[in-house]
Amino acid sequence: MIRQLRHPLRFHRDHRFTMEHASEYLDGELPEPDCRRVDQHTGVCPGCRRLVESLRRTIAGLAGLREPRPGGEDVAAGVIARLRNKPAP
């Protein structure tokens, strides 16, 4: 990792690569060498580390929306019902 810091050109290439492929990385769609590249870069780049963690939290939050709510309440159905019952302006 320290070696990356000594080579600014490599750091910038890996920075661009990580920014462009963060979603693929989290989805498990990158080949192993590219995953290692992202892992190494996020170990030395706070900005890319924040990006990957933010995307990870977003994905987890969105996945949680698919889970049924306690009592079987469907959020979308509830919102649609309220919108249909709302008087016109």
C-alpha atoms as a PDB file:
ATOM      1  CA  MET A   1       0.000   0.000   0.000  1.00  0.00           C
ATOM      2  CA  ILE A   2       2.798   2.387   0.792  1.00  0.00           C
ATOM      3  CA  ARG A   3       4.141   1.622  -2.680  1.00  0.00           C
ATOM      4  CA  GLN A   4       0.950   3.111  -4.153  1.00  0.00           C
ATOM      5  CA  LEU A   5       1.573   6.355  -2.309  1.00  0.00           C
ATOM      6  CA  ARG A   6       5.053   6.572  -3.813  1.00  0.00           C
ATOM      7  CA  HIS A   7       3.676   6.358  -7.348  1.00  0.00           C
ATOM      8  CA  PRO A   8       1.170   9.187  -7.855  1.00  0.00           C
ATOM      9  CA  LEU A   9       0.304   8.085 -11.394  1.00  0.00           C
ATOM     10  CA  ARG A  10      -0.654   4.600 -10.158  1.00  0.00           C
ATOM     11  CA  PHE A  11      -2.656   6.127  -7.314  1.00  0.00           C
ATOM     12  CA  HIS A  12      -4.649   8.306  -9.740  1.00  0.00           C
ATOM     13  CA  ARG A  13      -5.290   5.409 -12.127  1.00  0.00           C
ATOM     14  CA  ASP A  14      -6.500   3.243  -9.261  1.00  0.00           C
ATOM     15  CA  HIS A  15      -8.577   6.150  -7.926  1.00  0.00           C
ATOM     16  CA  ARG A  16     -10.392   6.544 -11.251  1.00  0.00           C
ATOM     17  CA  PHE A  17     -10.789   2.783 -11.543  1.00  0.00           C
ATOM     18  CA  THR A  18     -12.300   2.491  -8.055  1.00  0.00           C
ATOM     19  CA  MET A  19     -14.701   5.378  -8.650  1.00  0.00           C
ATOM     20  CA  GLU A  20     -15.861   3.854 -11.942  1.00  0.00           C
ATOM     21  CA  HIS A  21     -16.198   0.281 -10.688  1.00  0.00           C
ATOM     22  CA  ALA A  22     -17.366   0.631  -7.078  1.00  0.00           C
ATOM     23  CA  SER A  23     -20.842  -0.748  -7.802  1.00  0.00           C
ATOM     24  CA  GLU A  24     -19.480  -3.713  -9.715  1.00  0.00           C
ATOM     25  CA  TYR A  25     -17.058  -4.343  -6.852  1.00  0.00           C
ATOM     26  CA  LEU A  26     -19.866  -4.451  -4.297  1.00  0.00           C
ATOM     27  CA  ASP A  27     -22.046  -6.592  -6.566  1.00  0.00           C
ATOM     28  CA  GLY A  28     -19.251  -9.162  -6.881  1.00  0.00           C
ATOM     29  CA  GLU A  29     -18.999  -8.619 -10.633  1.00  0.00           C
ATOM     30  CA  LEU A  30     -15.298  -7.734 -10.808  1.00  0.00           C
ATOM     31  CA  PRO A  31     -12.623 -10.344 -11.461  1.00  0.00           C
ATOM     32  CA  GLU A  32     -10.430 -11.162  -8.440  1.00  0.00           C
ATOM     33  CA  PRO A  33      -7.410  -9.085  -9.596  1.00  0.00           C
ATOM     34  CA  ASP A  34      -9.645  -6.023  -9.946  1.00  0.00           C
ATOM     35  CA  CYS A  35     -11.182  -6.657  -6.507  1.00  0.00           C
ATOM     36  CA  ARG A  36      -7.707  -6.721  -4.989  1.00  0.00           C
ATOM     37  CA  ARG A  37      -6.938  -3.470  -6.806  1.00  0.00           C
ATOM     38  CA  VAL A  38     -10.005  -1.815  -5.260  1.00  0.00           C
ATOM     39  CA  ASP A  39      -9.205  -3.294  -1.828  1.00  0.00           C
ATOM     40  CA  GLN A  40      -5.651  -1.965  -1.943  1.00  0.00           C
ATOM     41  CA  HIS A  41      -6.722   1.465  -3.143  1.00  0.00           C
ATOM     42  CA  THR A  42      -9.467   1.883  -0.544  1.00  0.00           C
ATOM     43  CA  GLY A  43      -6.842   1.010   2.046  1.00  0.00           C
ATOM     44  CA  VAL A  44      -4.942   4.205   1.222  1.00  0.00           C
ATOM     45  CA  CYS A  45      -7.648   6.523  -0.193  1.00  0.00           C
ATOM     46  CA  PRO A  46     -10.152   7.888   2.338  1.00  0.00           C
ATOM     47  CA  GLY A  47     -12.395   9.305  -0.409  1.00  0.00           C
ATOM     48  CA  CYS A  48     -12.792   5.987  -2.190  1.00  0.00           C
ATOM     49  CA  ARG A  49     -13.193   4.185   1.121  1.00  0.00           C
ATOM     50  CA  ARG A  50     -16.072   6.558   1.997  1.00  0.00           C
ATOM     51  CA  LEU A  51     -17.617   6.020  -1.440  1.00  0.00           C
ATOM     52  CA  VAL A  52     -17.553   2.226  -1.128  1.00  0.00           C
ATOM     53  CA  GLU A  53     -18.913   2.330   2.433  1.00  0.00           C
ATOM     54  CA  SER A  54     -21.658   4.757   1.420  1.00  0.00           C
ATOM     55  CA  LEU A  55     -22.685   2.529  -1.474  1.00  0.00           C
ATOM     56  CA  ARG A  56     -22.589  -0.501   0.830  1.00  0.00           C
ATOM     57  CA  ARG A  57     -24.938   1.248   3.309  1.00  0.00           C
ATOM     58  CA  THR A  58     -27.237   2.346   0.478  1.00  0.00           C
ATOM     59  CA  ILE A  59     -27.462  -1.185  -0.895  1.00  0.00           C
ATOM     60  CA  ALA A  60     -28.192  -2.569   2.578  1.00  0.00           C
ATOM     61  CA  GLY A  61     -30.864   0.080   3.142  1.00  0.00           C
ATOM     62  CA  LEU A  62     -32.521  -0.619  -0.180  1.00  0.00           C
ATOM     63  CA  ALA A  63     -32.448  -4.357   0.472  1.00  0.00           C
ATOM     64  CA  GLY A  64     -34.245  -3.693   3.741  1.00  0.00           C
ATOM     65  CA  LEU A  65     -37.097  -2.024   1.870  1.00  0.00           C
ATOM     66  CA  ARG A  66     -37.953  -5.346   0.249  1.00  0.00           C
ATOM     67  CA  GLU A  67     -38.598  -6.986   3.598  1.00  0.00           C
ATOM     68  CA  PRO A  68     -42.247  -7.032   4.663  1.00  0.00           C
ATOM     69  CA  ARG A  69     -43.133  -4.645   7.422  1.00  0.00           C
ATOM     70  CA  PRO A  70     -44.411  -5.916  10.758  1.00  0.00           C
ATOM     71  CA  GLY A  71     -48.110  -6.660  10.495  1.00  0.00           C
ATOM     72  CA  GLY A  72     -47.854  -7.242   6.736  1.00  0.00           C
ATOM     73  CA  GLU A  73     -48.273  -3.544   5.911  1.00  0.00           C
ATOM     74  CA  ASP A  74     -47.240  -2.719   2.352  1.00  0.00           C
ATOM     75  CA  VAL A  75     -45.646   0.748   2.320  1.00  0.00           C
ATOM     76  CA  ALA A  76     -46.289   1.361  -1.380  1.00  0.00           C
ATOM     77  CA  ALA A  77     -49.933   0.335  -1.099  1.00  0.00           C
ATOM     78  CA  GLY A  78     -50.380   2.643   1.875  1.00  0.00           C
ATOM     79  CA  VAL A  79     -48.879   5.614   0.054  1.00  0.00           C
ATOM     80  CA  ILE A  80     -50.992   4.978  -3.059  1.00  0.00           C
ATOM     81  CA  ALA A  81     -54.131   4.676  -0.955  1.00  0.00           C
ATOM     82  CA  ARG A  82     -53.417   7.976   0.804  1.00  0.00           C
ATOM     83  CA  LEU A  83     -52.736   9.707  -2.511  1.00  0.00           C
ATOM     84  CA  ARG A  84     -56.002   8.404  -3.986  1.00  0.00           C
ATOM     85  CA  ASN A  85     -57.986   9.656  -0.962  1.00  0.00           C
ATOM     86  CA  LYS A  86     -56.364  13.084  -0.981  1.00  0.00           C
ATOM     87  CA  PRO A  87     -58.701  15.836  -2.187  1.00  0.00           C
ATOM     88  CA  ALA A  88     -57.653  17.691  -5.342  1.00  0.00           C
ATOM     89  CA  PRO A  89     -56.024  21.122  -4.714  1.00  0.00           C
END
